[in-house]
Amino acid sequence: MDINDIRSAAERIRRYVKRTPLERSDSLSKRLNTNVYVKYELFQKAGSFKPRGAFNKLLQLSDDEKAKGVVAVSGGNHAQAVAYAASVLGIDAVIAMPENTPATYLNATRSYGATVDLQPTIADAFAKVNEYVAEGRVVVHPFDDEAVIEGQGTVGLEIFEDVPQITDVFASIGGGGMAGGVAFALKSLKPTVRAWGVETVGADAMSQAIAAGEPVTLPAITSIAKTLGAPYVTTRTLDLVRDNMESVTVVSDADAVREILYIAERLKVITEPAAACNVAAAEKLRDNFTPNSHVVIVLCGGNTSIVDASGYLRLLA
């Protein structure tokens, strides 16, 4: 993979995805005493960055592969993205999802026409995919796929176009495809950019893999940030993060919820814990910035219902 592959992905998917807005936040800039910008990827179709990778993968399938259909596994956002992209391109899709997936994700995935196969856990959902692959379906992996990573990396191209003076970027990590792809794209365009990864306690497969020096499998996902709930990362994404990111900061669910409230009050949008955790991490790392820094925070998804958001408040009691 090189920067031209990501540029090609951007051209390939341009007609199918939104170029999401990026704006300077006066509130966050004052809070962190630097220049802070927000990439509103939660305004992407299906509510997250995920359609970028899904379309880039599906558009490169052969006619025979498209006819056999695709299968994916997801705790939410990847499910919706694959379902949406498949519906647009006329491809049959099956999505294996864990039973604890919030109803808002299940309903949206089904609304795009995909078949949802519920499994006891996310690990069981990953295992179930193998059965569908044996039947001939093409797997659209949520992160361990170069075409998917290249699609997600187009977020980085847009960030650089809008803020060429960028010094830092914050991106949360589920399996590491988006964060790694964005970091790779930005550092390819401007090697001095520092990329900071973020996870939540209980959905921290990447930080545990970095500590172990190899991918590890989490026994369970206990964080409320279900869209960060990859049970493992892969050698591909581990290397991508280690090679292109400064560090991975792990924040608590409570910290993520506090930032959901802050973002709602100041930026007037409702985010997922998986997105709000980036603000919590920026707060923790604020000593790395100067008044002349230019920090971009990727709000990667907004698929949180009002009911879910209200339930999160128990963590602050």
C-alpha atoms as a PDB file:
ATOM      1  CA  MET A   1       0.000   0.000   0.000  1.00  0.00           C
ATOM      2  CA  ASP A   2       1.169   3.502  -0.818  1.00  0.00           C
ATOM      3  CA  ILE A   3      -0.401   6.937  -0.967  1.00  0.00           C
ATOM      4  CA  ASN A   4      -1.350   6.449  -4.632  1.00  0.00           C
ATOM      5  CA  ASP A   5      -3.476   3.448  -3.656  1.00  0.00           C
ATOM      6  CA  ILE A   6      -5.402   5.679  -1.258  1.00  0.00           C
ATOM      7  CA  ARG A   7      -5.742   8.359  -3.934  1.00  0.00           C
ATOM      8  CA  SER A   8      -7.114   5.703  -6.309  1.00  0.00           C
ATOM      9  CA  ALA A   9      -9.574   4.621  -3.630  1.00  0.00           C
ATOM     10  CA  ALA A  10     -10.739   8.213  -3.261  1.00  0.00           C
ATOM     11  CA  GLU A  11     -11.482   8.432  -6.981  1.00  0.00           C
ATOM     12  CA  ARG A  12     -13.171   5.042  -7.002  1.00  0.00           C
ATOM     13  CA  ILE A  13     -15.593   5.796  -4.168  1.00  0.00           C
ATOM     14  CA  ARG A  14     -16.132   9.508  -4.796  1.00  0.00           C
ATOM     15  CA  ARG A  15     -19.625   9.184  -6.271  1.00  0.00           C
ATOM     16  CA  TYR A  16     -20.778   6.910  -3.444  1.00  0.00           C
ATOM     17  CA  VAL A  17     -19.614   8.671  -0.267  1.00  0.00           C
ATOM     18  CA  LYS A  18     -19.827  12.135   1.205  1.00  0.00           C
ATOM     19  CA  ARG A  19     -16.884  14.465   1.560  1.00  0.00           C
ATOM     20  CA  THR A  20     -17.527  15.197   5.213  1.00  0.00           C
ATOM     21  CA  PRO A  21     -17.018  18.641   6.745  1.00  0.00           C
ATOM     22  CA  LEU A  22     -13.996  19.650   8.805  1.00  0.00           C
ATOM     23  CA  GLU A  23     -14.295  22.743  10.993  1.00  0.00           C
ATOM     24  CA  ARG A  24     -12.256  24.573  13.599  1.00  0.00           C
ATOM     25  CA  SER A  25     -13.802  24.307  17.060  1.00  0.00           C
ATOM     26  CA  ASP A  26     -13.471  27.463  19.133  1.00  0.00           C
ATOM     27  CA  SER A  27     -14.625  25.587  22.244  1.00  0.00           C
ATOM     28  CA  LEU A  28     -12.052  22.830  21.945  1.00  0.00           C
ATOM     29  CA  SER A  29      -9.341  25.267  20.893  1.00  0.00           C
ATOM     30  CA  LYS A  30      -9.870  27.340  24.021  1.00  0.00           C
ATOM     31  CA  ARG A  31     -10.094  24.242  26.202  1.00  0.00           C
ATOM     32  CA  LEU A  32      -6.823  22.754  24.932  1.00  0.00           C
ATOM     33  CA  ASN A  33      -5.065  26.087  24.328  1.00  0.00           C
ATOM     34  CA  THR A  34      -4.250  25.257  20.733  1.00  0.00           C
ATOM     35  CA  ASN A  35      -5.935  25.078  17.329  1.00  0.00           C
ATOM     36  CA  VAL A  36      -8.400  22.197  17.270  1.00  0.00           C
ATOM     37  CA  TYR A  37     -10.392  21.034  14.263  1.00  0.00           C
ATOM     38  CA  VAL A  38     -13.111  18.406  14.076  1.00  0.00           C
ATOM     39  CA  LYS A  39     -13.547  16.015  11.165  1.00  0.00           C
ATOM     40  CA  TYR A  40     -17.280  15.242  11.198  1.00  0.00           C
ATOM     41  CA  GLU A  41     -17.160  11.743   9.775  1.00  0.00           C
ATOM     42  CA  LEU A  42     -20.323  10.943  11.722  1.00  0.00           C
ATOM     43  CA  PHE A  43     -22.153  12.796   8.923  1.00  0.00           C
ATOM     44  CA  GLN A  44     -21.065  10.088   6.472  1.00  0.00           C
ATOM     45  CA  LYS A  45     -23.866   7.962   5.037  1.00  0.00           C
ATOM     46  CA  ALA A  46     -24.805   5.237   7.569  1.00  0.00           C
ATOM     47  CA  GLY A  47     -23.389   7.387  10.353  1.00  0.00           C
ATOM     48  CA  SER A  48     -19.685   6.546  10.266  1.00  0.00           C
ATOM     49  CA  PHE A  49     -16.550   6.386   8.114  1.00  0.00           C
ATOM     50  CA  LYS A  50     -17.159   2.730   7.286  1.00  0.00           C
ATOM     51  CA  PRO A  51     -18.820   3.090   3.833  1.00  0.00           C
ATOM     52  CA  ARG A  52     -15.486   4.315   2.465  1.00  0.00           C
ATOM     53  CA  GLY A  53     -13.843   0.943   2.980  1.00  0.00           C
ATOM     54  CA  ALA A  54     -16.943  -1.061   2.133  1.00  0.00           C
ATOM     55  CA  PHE A  55     -17.408   0.615  -1.241  1.00  0.00           C
ATOM     56  CA  ASN A  56     -13.711   0.407  -2.084  1.00  0.00           C
ATOM     57  CA  LYS A  57     -13.807  -3.341  -1.451  1.00  0.00           C
ATOM     58  CA  LEU A  58     -17.106  -4.122  -3.186  1.00  0.00           C
ATOM     59  CA  LEU A  59     -16.369  -2.020  -6.251  1.00  0.00           C
ATOM     60  CA  GLN A  60     -13.292  -4.165  -6.940  1.00  0.00           C
ATOM     61  CA  LEU A  61     -15.098  -7.511  -6.830  1.00  0.00           C
ATOM     62  CA  SER A  62     -15.479  -9.511 -10.022  1.00  0.00           C
ATOM     63  CA  ASP A  63     -18.931 -10.065 -11.487  1.00  0.00           C
ATOM     64  CA  ASP A  64     -18.795 -13.681 -10.309  1.00  0.00           C
ATOM     65  CA  GLU A  65     -17.939 -12.623  -6.760  1.00  0.00           C
ATOM     66  CA  LYS A  66     -20.738 -10.068  -6.746  1.00  0.00           C
ATOM     67  CA  ALA A  67     -23.189 -12.735  -7.877  1.00  0.00           C
ATOM     68  CA  LYS A  68     -22.220 -15.024  -4.970  1.00  0.00           C
ATOM     69  CA  GLY A  69     -22.763 -12.278  -2.420  1.00  0.00           C
ATOM     70  CA  VAL A  70     -20.739 -11.021   0.519  1.00  0.00           C
ATOM     71  CA  VAL A  71     -20.570 -11.623   4.248  1.00  0.00           C
ATOM     72  CA  ALA A  72     -19.276  -9.422   7.033  1.00  0.00           C
ATOM     73  CA  VAL A  73     -19.000  -9.413  10.814  1.00  0.00           C
ATOM     74  CA  SER A  74     -19.596  -6.333  12.905  1.00  0.00           C
ATOM     75  CA  GLY A  75     -20.773  -4.890  16.180  1.00  0.00           C
ATOM     76  CA  GLY A  76     -22.527  -2.099  14.320  1.00  0.00           C
ATOM     77  CA  ASN A  77     -20.984   0.434  11.953  1.00  0.00           C
ATOM     78  CA  HIS A  78     -19.276  -1.949   9.538  1.00  0.00           C
ATOM     79  CA  ALA A  79     -22.537  -3.895   9.369  1.00  0.00           C
ATOM     80  CA  GLN A  80     -24.481  -0.856   8.248  1.00  0.00           C
ATOM     81  CA  ALA A  81     -21.779   0.202   5.808  1.00  0.00           C
ATOM     82  CA  VAL A  82     -21.547  -3.168   4.061  1.00  0.00           C
ATOM     83  CA  ALA A  83     -25.321  -3.498   4.009  1.00  0.00           C
ATOM     84  CA  TYR A  84     -25.668  -0.016   2.515  1.00  0.00           C
ATOM     85  CA  ALA A  85     -22.903  -0.426  -0.069  1.00  0.00           C
ATOM     86  CA  ALA A  86     -24.221  -3.838  -1.077  1.00  0.00           C
ATOM     87  CA  SER A  87     -27.737  -2.458  -1.522  1.00  0.00           C
ATOM     88  CA  VAL A  88     -26.480   0.379  -3.724  1.00  0.00           C
ATOM     89  CA  LEU A  89     -24.439  -2.022  -5.870  1.00  0.00           C
ATOM     90  CA  GLY A  90     -27.074  -4.763  -6.023  1.00  0.00           C
ATOM     91  CA  ILE A  91     -25.103  -7.366  -4.051  1.00  0.00           C
ATOM     92  CA  ASP A  92     -26.655  -9.769  -1.545  1.00  0.00           C
ATOM     93  CA  ALA A  93     -25.172  -9.344   1.950  1.00  0.00           C
ATOM     94  CA  VAL A  94     -25.226 -11.347   5.178  1.00  0.00           C
ATOM     95  CA  ILE A  95     -23.933  -9.743   8.373  1.00  0.00           C
ATOM     96  CA  ALA A  96     -22.976 -11.797  11.446  1.00  0.00           C
ATOM     97  CA  MET A  97     -23.505  -9.695  14.573  1.00  0.00           C
ATOM     98  CA  PRO A  98     -23.289 -10.311  18.344  1.00  0.00           C
ATOM     99  CA  GLU A  99     -26.532 -10.583  20.282  1.00  0.00           C
ATOM    100  CA  ASN A 100     -25.658  -7.583  22.474  1.00  0.00           C
ATOM    101  CA  THR A 101     -25.582  -5.246  19.479  1.00  0.00           C
ATOM    102  CA  PRO A 102     -27.728  -2.165  20.198  1.00  0.00           C
ATOM    103  CA  ALA A 103     -31.104  -2.253  18.475  1.00  0.00           C
ATOM    104  CA  THR A 104     -30.340   0.925  16.537  1.00  0.00           C
ATOM    105  CA  TYR A 105     -27.545  -0.909  14.658  1.00  0.00           C
ATOM    106  CA  LEU A 106     -29.607  -4.034  14.030  1.00  0.00           C
ATOM    107  CA  ASN A 107     -32.572  -2.074  12.701  1.00  0.00           C
ATOM    108  CA  ALA A 108     -30.432   0.065  10.421  1.00  0.00           C
ATOM    109  CA  THR A 109     -28.556  -2.922   9.018  1.00  0.00           C
ATOM    110  CA  ARG A 110     -31.784  -4.727   8.220  1.00  0.00           C
ATOM    111  CA  SER A 111     -33.271  -1.574   6.720  1.00  0.00           C
ATOM    112  CA  TYR A 112     -30.561  -1.614   4.051  1.00  0.00           C
ATOM    113  CA  GLY A 113     -31.707  -5.084   3.020  1.00  0.00           C
ATOM    114  CA  ALA A 114     -29.000  -7.258   4.544  1.00  0.00           C
ATOM    115  CA  THR A 115     -29.677 -10.533   6.351  1.00  0.00           C
ATOM    116  CA  VAL A 116     -28.568 -10.337   9.995  1.00  0.00           C
ATOM    117  CA  ASP A 117     -27.243 -13.534  11.590  1.00  0.00           C
ATOM    118  CA  LEU A 118     -27.125 -13.009  15.367  1.00  0.00           C
ATOM    119  CA  GLN A 119     -24.434 -14.879  17.316  1.00  0.00           C
ATOM    120  CA  PRO A 120     -23.813 -15.090  21.100  1.00  0.00           C
ATOM    121  CA  THR A 121     -20.597 -13.030  21.008  1.00  0.00           C
ATOM    122  CA  ILE A 122     -18.486 -11.061  18.566  1.00  0.00           C
ATOM    123  CA  ALA A 123     -15.971 -13.913  18.594  1.00  0.00           C
ATOM    124  CA  ASP A 124     -18.747 -16.327  17.591  1.00  0.00           C
ATOM    125  CA  ALA A 125     -19.758 -13.923  14.835  1.00  0.00           C
ATOM    126  CA  PHE A 126     -16.232 -13.947  13.427  1.00  0.00           C
ATOM    127  CA  ALA A 127     -16.250 -17.758  13.520  1.00  0.00           C
ATOM    128  CA  LYS A 128     -19.639 -17.918  11.774  1.00  0.00           C
ATOM    129  CA  VAL A 129     -18.262 -15.989   8.814  1.00  0.00           C
ATOM    130  CA  ASN A 130     -16.124 -18.990   7.872  1.00  0.00           C
ATOM    131  CA  GLU A 131     -19.261 -21.003   7.140  1.00  0.00           C
ATOM    132  CA  TYR A 132     -20.511 -18.388   4.698  1.00  0.00           C
ATOM    133  CA  VAL A 133     -17.117 -18.163   3.011  1.00  0.00           C
ATOM    134  CA  ALA A 134     -17.209 -21.942   2.529  1.00  0.00           C
ATOM    135  CA  GLU A 135     -20.515 -21.445   0.692  1.00  0.00           C
ATOM    136  CA  GLY A 136     -18.816 -19.052  -1.732  1.00  0.00           C
ATOM    137  CA  ARG A 137     -19.503 -15.626  -0.283  1.00  0.00           C
ATOM    138  CA  VAL A 138     -16.718 -13.044  -0.249  1.00  0.00           C
ATOM    139  CA  VAL A 139     -15.806 -11.819   3.210  1.00  0.00           C
ATOM    140  CA  VAL A 140     -15.598  -8.060   3.719  1.00  0.00           C
ATOM    141  CA  HIS A 141     -13.368  -7.880   6.765  1.00  0.00           C
ATOM    142  CA  PRO A 142     -13.915  -4.826   8.984  1.00  0.00           C
ATOM    143  CA  PHE A 143     -10.209  -3.994   9.149  1.00  0.00           C
ATOM    144  CA  ASP A 144      -7.827  -6.732   7.956  1.00  0.00           C
ATOM    145  CA  ASP A 145      -8.164  -5.985   4.261  1.00  0.00           C
ATOM    146  CA  GLU A 146      -5.981  -3.662   2.228  1.00  0.00           C
ATOM    147  CA  ALA A 147      -8.871  -2.403   0.093  1.00  0.00           C
ATOM    148  CA  VAL A 148     -10.872  -1.563   3.217  1.00  0.00           C
ATOM    149  CA  ILE A 149      -7.904   0.204   4.828  1.00  0.00           C
ATOM    150  CA  GLU A 150      -7.263   2.208   1.666  1.00  0.00           C
ATOM    151  CA  GLY A 151     -10.897   3.300   1.644  1.00  0.00           C
ATOM    152  CA  GLN A 152     -10.753   4.404   5.267  1.00  0.00           C
ATOM    153  CA  GLY A 153      -7.469   6.183   4.570  1.00  0.00           C
ATOM    154  CA  THR A 154      -9.314   8.616   2.301  1.00  0.00           C
ATOM    155  CA  VAL A 155     -10.375  10.403   5.494  1.00  0.00           C
ATOM    156  CA  GLY A 156      -6.717  11.369   5.838  1.00  0.00           C
ATOM    157  CA  LEU A 157      -6.587  12.801   2.320  1.00  0.00           C
ATOM    158  CA  GLU A 158      -9.557  15.050   3.070  1.00  0.00           C
ATOM    159  CA  ILE A 159      -8.057  16.171   6.374  1.00  0.00           C
ATOM    160  CA  PHE A 160      -4.823  17.205   4.662  1.00  0.00           C
ATOM    161  CA  GLU A 161      -6.678  19.060   1.921  1.00  0.00           C
ATOM    162  CA  ASP A 162      -8.584  21.082   4.528  1.00  0.00           C
ATOM    163  CA  VAL A 163      -5.813  21.565   7.123  1.00  0.00           C
ATOM    164  CA  PRO A 164      -2.433  21.294   5.361  1.00  0.00           C
ATOM    165  CA  GLN A 165      -0.841  22.869   8.447  1.00  0.00           C
ATOM    166  CA  ILE A 166      -1.907  19.858  10.554  1.00  0.00           C
ATOM    167  CA  THR A 167       0.495  18.778  13.297  1.00  0.00           C
ATOM    168  CA  ASP A 168      -1.547  16.110  15.110  1.00  0.00           C
ATOM    169  CA  VAL A 169      -4.507  13.822  14.519  1.00  0.00           C
ATOM    170  CA  PHE A 170      -6.575  11.727  16.931  1.00  0.00           C
ATOM    171  CA  ALA A 171      -8.322   8.604  15.660  1.00  0.00           C
ATOM    172  CA  SER A 172      -9.926   5.823  17.677  1.00  0.00           C
ATOM    173  CA  ILE A 173      -9.037   2.177  17.141  1.00  0.00           C
ATOM    174  CA  GLY A 174     -11.328  -0.800  16.825  1.00  0.00           C
ATOM    175  CA  GLY A 175      -9.353  -3.196  14.658  1.00  0.00           C
ATOM    176  CA  GLY A 176      -7.005  -0.448  13.525  1.00  0.00           C
ATOM    177  CA  GLY A 177      -7.915  -0.117   9.853  1.00  0.00           C
ATOM    178  CA  MET A 178      -9.246   3.436   9.935  1.00  0.00           C
ATOM    179  CA  ALA A 179      -6.765   4.827  12.460  1.00  0.00           C
ATOM    180  CA  GLY A 180      -3.852   3.146  10.726  1.00  0.00           C
ATOM    181  CA  GLY A 181      -5.042   4.150   7.262  1.00  0.00           C
ATOM    182  CA  VAL A 182      -5.562   7.778   8.256  1.00  0.00           C
ATOM    183  CA  ALA A 183      -2.173   7.908   9.990  1.00  0.00           C
ATOM    184  CA  PHE A 184      -0.465   6.308   6.990  1.00  0.00           C
ATOM    185  CA  ALA A 185      -2.079   8.732   4.549  1.00  0.00           C
ATOM    186  CA  LEU A 186      -1.230  11.816   6.579  1.00  0.00           C
ATOM    187  CA  LYS A 187       2.354  10.786   7.303  1.00  0.00           C
ATOM    188  CA  SER A 188       2.842   9.949   3.617  1.00  0.00           C
ATOM    189  CA  LEU A 189       1.774  13.501   2.760  1.00  0.00           C
ATOM    190  CA  LYS A 190       3.479  15.192   5.710  1.00  0.00           C
ATOM    191  CA  PRO A 191       5.934  13.014   7.679  1.00  0.00           C
ATOM    192  CA  THR A 192       5.986  15.372  10.675  1.00  0.00           C
ATOM    193  CA  VAL A 193       2.325  14.740  11.501  1.00  0.00           C
ATOM    194  CA  ARG A 194       1.860  12.920  14.805  1.00  0.00           C
ATOM    195  CA  ALA A 195      -0.999  10.428  14.908  1.00  0.00           C
ATOM    196  CA  TRP A 196      -2.470   9.396  18.249  1.00  0.00           C
ATOM    197  CA  GLY A 197      -4.571   6.261  18.633  1.00  0.00           C
ATOM    198  CA  VAL A 198      -7.345   5.931  21.197  1.00  0.00           C
ATOM    199  CA  GLU A 199      -9.172   2.988  22.791  1.00  0.00           C
ATOM    200  CA  THR A 200     -11.455   2.465  25.777  1.00  0.00           C
ATOM    201  CA  VAL A 201     -10.930   0.132  28.711  1.00  0.00           C
ATOM    202  CA  GLY A 202     -12.520  -3.183  27.805  1.00  0.00           C
ATOM    203  CA  ALA A 203     -12.089  -2.624  24.054  1.00  0.00           C
ATOM    204  CA  ASP A 204      -8.318  -2.250  24.008  1.00  0.00           C
ATOM    205  CA  ALA A 205      -7.099  -5.035  21.729  1.00  0.00           C
ATOM    206  CA  MET A 206      -4.514  -2.790  20.046  1.00  0.00           C
ATOM    207  CA  SER A 207      -2.842  -1.495  23.203  1.00  0.00           C
ATOM    208  CA  GLN A 208      -2.702  -5.031  24.575  1.00  0.00           C
ATOM    209  CA  ALA A 209      -1.201  -6.273  21.315  1.00  0.00           C
ATOM    210  CA  ILE A 210       1.433  -3.534  21.396  1.00  0.00           C
ATOM    211  CA  ALA A 211       2.328  -4.481  24.960  1.00  0.00           C
ATOM    212  CA  ALA A 212       2.539  -8.166  24.039  1.00  0.00           C
ATOM    213  CA  GLY A 213       4.421  -7.557  20.800  1.00  0.00           C
ATOM    214  CA  GLU A 214       1.862  -9.585  18.859  1.00  0.00           C
ATOM    215  CA  PRO A 215      -1.908  -9.817  18.344  1.00  0.00           C
ATOM    216  CA  VAL A 216      -3.884 -11.054  21.330  1.00  0.00           C
ATOM    217  CA  THR A 217      -7.546 -12.024  21.651  1.00  0.00           C
ATOM    218  CA  LEU A 218      -9.638 -10.313  24.299  1.00  0.00           C
ATOM    219  CA  PRO A 219     -11.734 -12.712  26.390  1.00  0.00           C
ATOM    220  CA  ALA A 220     -14.705 -10.336  26.141  1.00  0.00           C
ATOM    221  CA  ILE A 221     -15.610  -6.796  25.126  1.00  0.00           C
ATOM    222  CA  THR A 222     -16.745  -4.992  28.268  1.00  0.00           C
ATOM    223  CA  SER A 223     -16.654  -1.364  27.095  1.00  0.00           C
ATOM    224  CA  ILE A 224     -19.803   0.497  26.110  1.00  0.00           C
ATOM    225  CA  ALA A 225     -17.898   1.527  22.972  1.00  0.00           C
ATOM    226  CA  LYS A 226     -19.185  -1.465  21.029  1.00  0.00           C
ATOM    227  CA  THR A 227     -17.927  -0.093  17.717  1.00  0.00           C
ATOM    228  CA  LEU A 228     -14.388  -0.355  19.098  1.00  0.00           C
ATOM    229  CA  GLY A 229     -15.124  -3.943  20.056  1.00  0.00           C
ATOM    230  CA  ALA A 230     -12.822  -5.920  17.779  1.00  0.00           C
ATOM    231  CA  PRO A 231     -11.850  -9.014  19.794  1.00  0.00           C
ATOM    232  CA  TYR A 232      -8.388  -8.892  18.264  1.00  0.00           C
ATOM    233  CA  VAL A 233      -6.213  -6.907  15.896  1.00  0.00           C
ATOM    234  CA  THR A 234      -4.125  -8.510  13.178  1.00  0.00           C
ATOM    235  CA  THR A 235      -0.467  -8.422  12.275  1.00  0.00           C
ATOM    236  CA  ARG A 236      -1.360  -6.104   9.386  1.00  0.00           C
ATOM    237  CA  THR A 237      -3.080  -3.491  11.533  1.00  0.00           C
ATOM    238  CA  LEU A 238      -0.691  -3.888  14.465  1.00  0.00           C
ATOM    239  CA  ASP A 239       2.239  -3.095  12.176  1.00  0.00           C
ATOM    240  CA  LEU A 240       0.319  -0.220  10.593  1.00  0.00           C
ATOM    241  CA  VAL A 241      -0.340   1.376  13.984  1.00  0.00           C
ATOM    242  CA  ARG A 242       3.153   0.759  15.364  1.00  0.00           C
ATOM    243  CA  ASP A 243       4.755   2.208  12.234  1.00  0.00           C
ATOM    244  CA  ASN A 244       2.555   5.302  11.923  1.00  0.00           C
ATOM    245  CA  MET A 245       1.172   6.282  15.345  1.00  0.00           C
ATOM    246  CA  GLU A 246       2.890   7.867  18.321  1.00  0.00           C
ATOM    247  CA  SER A 247       1.012   5.857  20.922  1.00  0.00           C
ATOM    248  CA  VAL A 248      -2.353   4.393  21.867  1.00  0.00           C
ATOM    249  CA  THR A 249      -4.119   6.067  24.787  1.00  0.00           C
ATOM    250  CA  VAL A 250      -6.745   4.063  26.685  1.00  0.00           C
ATOM    251  CA  VAL A 251      -9.520   6.048  28.384  1.00  0.00           C
ATOM    252  CA  SER A 252     -12.397   4.956  30.580  1.00  0.00           C
ATOM    253  CA  ASP A 253     -16.001   4.597  29.487  1.00  0.00           C
ATOM    254  CA  ALA A 254     -16.876   7.341  31.995  1.00  0.00           C
ATOM    255  CA  ASP A 255     -14.397   9.691  30.320  1.00  0.00           C
ATOM    256  CA  ALA A 256     -15.973   8.944  26.933  1.00  0.00           C
ATOM    257  CA  VAL A 257     -19.455   9.646  28.312  1.00  0.00           C
ATOM    258  CA  ARG A 258     -18.338  12.983  29.791  1.00  0.00           C
ATOM    259  CA  GLU A 259     -17.100  13.958  26.355  1.00  0.00           C
ATOM    260  CA  ILE A 260     -20.352  12.859  24.694  1.00  0.00           C
ATOM    261  CA  LEU A 261     -22.055  15.433  26.923  1.00  0.00           C
ATOM    262  CA  TYR A 262     -19.423  18.074  26.182  1.00  0.00           C
ATOM    263  CA  ILE A 263     -19.647  17.502  22.433  1.00  0.00           C
ATOM    264  CA  ALA A 264     -23.442  17.621  22.542  1.00  0.00           C
ATOM    265  CA  GLU A 265     -23.409  20.896  24.461  1.00  0.00           C
ATOM    266  CA  ARG A 266     -20.625  22.651  22.549  1.00  0.00           C
ATOM    267  CA  LEU A 267     -20.550  21.096  19.071  1.00  0.00           C
ATOM    268  CA  LYS A 268     -24.288  20.271  18.927  1.00  0.00           C
ATOM    269  CA  VAL A 269     -23.912  16.690  17.708  1.00  0.00           C
ATOM    270  CA  ILE A 270     -24.458  13.309  19.364  1.00  0.00           C
ATOM    271  CA  THR A 271     -21.479  11.005  19.009  1.00  0.00           C
ATOM    272  CA  GLU A 272     -20.690   7.427  19.850  1.00  0.00           C
ATOM    273  CA  PRO A 273     -18.410   6.620  22.802  1.00  0.00           C
ATOM    274  CA  ALA A 274     -15.994   5.385  20.124  1.00  0.00           C
ATOM    275  CA  ALA A 275     -15.749   8.937  18.784  1.00  0.00           C
ATOM    276  CA  ALA A 276     -16.009  10.958  21.991  1.00  0.00           C
ATOM    277  CA  CYS A 277     -13.078   9.041  23.496  1.00  0.00           C
ATOM    278  CA  ASN A 278     -10.803  10.984  21.139  1.00  0.00           C
ATOM    279  CA  VAL A 279     -11.584  14.209  22.977  1.00  0.00           C
ATOM    280  CA  ALA A 280     -10.822  12.530  26.295  1.00  0.00           C
ATOM    281  CA  ALA A 281      -7.466  11.374  24.935  1.00  0.00           C
ATOM    282  CA  ALA A 282      -6.640  14.835  23.567  1.00  0.00           C
ATOM    283  CA  GLU A 283      -7.264  16.219  27.045  1.00  0.00           C
ATOM    284  CA  LYS A 284      -4.883  13.664  28.553  1.00  0.00           C
ATOM    285  CA  LEU A 285      -2.199  14.480  25.975  1.00  0.00           C
ATOM    286  CA  ARG A 286      -2.645  18.251  25.923  1.00  0.00           C
ATOM    287  CA  ASP A 287       0.920  18.858  27.155  1.00  0.00           C
ATOM    288  CA  ASN A 288       2.131  17.667  23.748  1.00  0.00           C
ATOM    289  CA  PHE A 289       0.582  20.689  22.029  1.00  0.00           C
ATOM    290  CA  THR A 290       1.649  24.324  21.782  1.00  0.00           C
ATOM    291  CA  PRO A 291      -0.513  27.335  20.938  1.00  0.00           C
ATOM    292  CA  ASN A 292       0.787  26.929  17.376  1.00  0.00           C
ATOM    293  CA  SER A 293      -0.241  23.288  16.986  1.00  0.00           C
ATOM    294  CA  HIS A 294      -3.037  22.267  14.642  1.00  0.00           C
ATOM    295  CA  VAL A 295      -4.863  19.262  16.055  1.00  0.00           C
ATOM    296  CA  VAL A 296      -7.552  17.332  14.168  1.00  0.00           C
ATOM    297  CA  ILE A 297      -9.986  15.100  16.052  1.00  0.00           C
ATOM    298  CA  VAL A 298     -11.874  12.534  13.987  1.00  0.00           C
ATOM    299  CA  LEU A 299     -15.442  12.095  15.184  1.00  0.00           C
ATOM    300  CA  CYS A 300     -15.712   8.754  13.455  1.00  0.00           C
ATOM    301  CA  GLY A 301     -19.319   7.813  14.175  1.00  0.00           C
ATOM    302  CA  GLY A 302     -22.633   9.022  15.526  1.00  0.00           C
ATOM    303  CA  ASN A 303     -24.798   5.924  15.704  1.00  0.00           C
ATOM    304  CA  THR A 304     -25.948   6.452  19.272  1.00  0.00           C
ATOM    305  CA  SER A 305     -29.662   6.584  20.012  1.00  0.00           C
ATOM    306  CA  ILE A 306     -31.066   8.938  22.616  1.00  0.00           C
ATOM    307  CA  VAL A 307     -32.016   5.879  24.673  1.00  0.00           C
ATOM    308  CA  ASP A 308     -28.434   4.577  24.533  1.00  0.00           C
ATOM    309  CA  ALA A 309     -26.989   7.981  25.418  1.00  0.00           C
ATOM    310  CA  SER A 310     -29.340   8.314  28.371  1.00  0.00           C
ATOM    311  CA  GLY A 311     -28.292   4.899  29.632  1.00  0.00           C
ATOM    312  CA  TYR A 312     -24.637   5.883  29.520  1.00  0.00           C
ATOM    313  CA  LEU A 313     -25.279   8.523  32.184  1.00  0.00           C
ATOM    314  CA  ARG A 314     -25.320   5.807  34.852  1.00  0.00           C
ATOM    315  CA  LEU A 315     -21.541   5.727  34.532  1.00  0.00           C
ATOM    316  CA  LEU A 316     -21.357   9.269  35.877  1.00  0.00           C
ATOM    317  CA  ALA A 317     -23.564   8.659  38.914  1.00  0.00           C
END
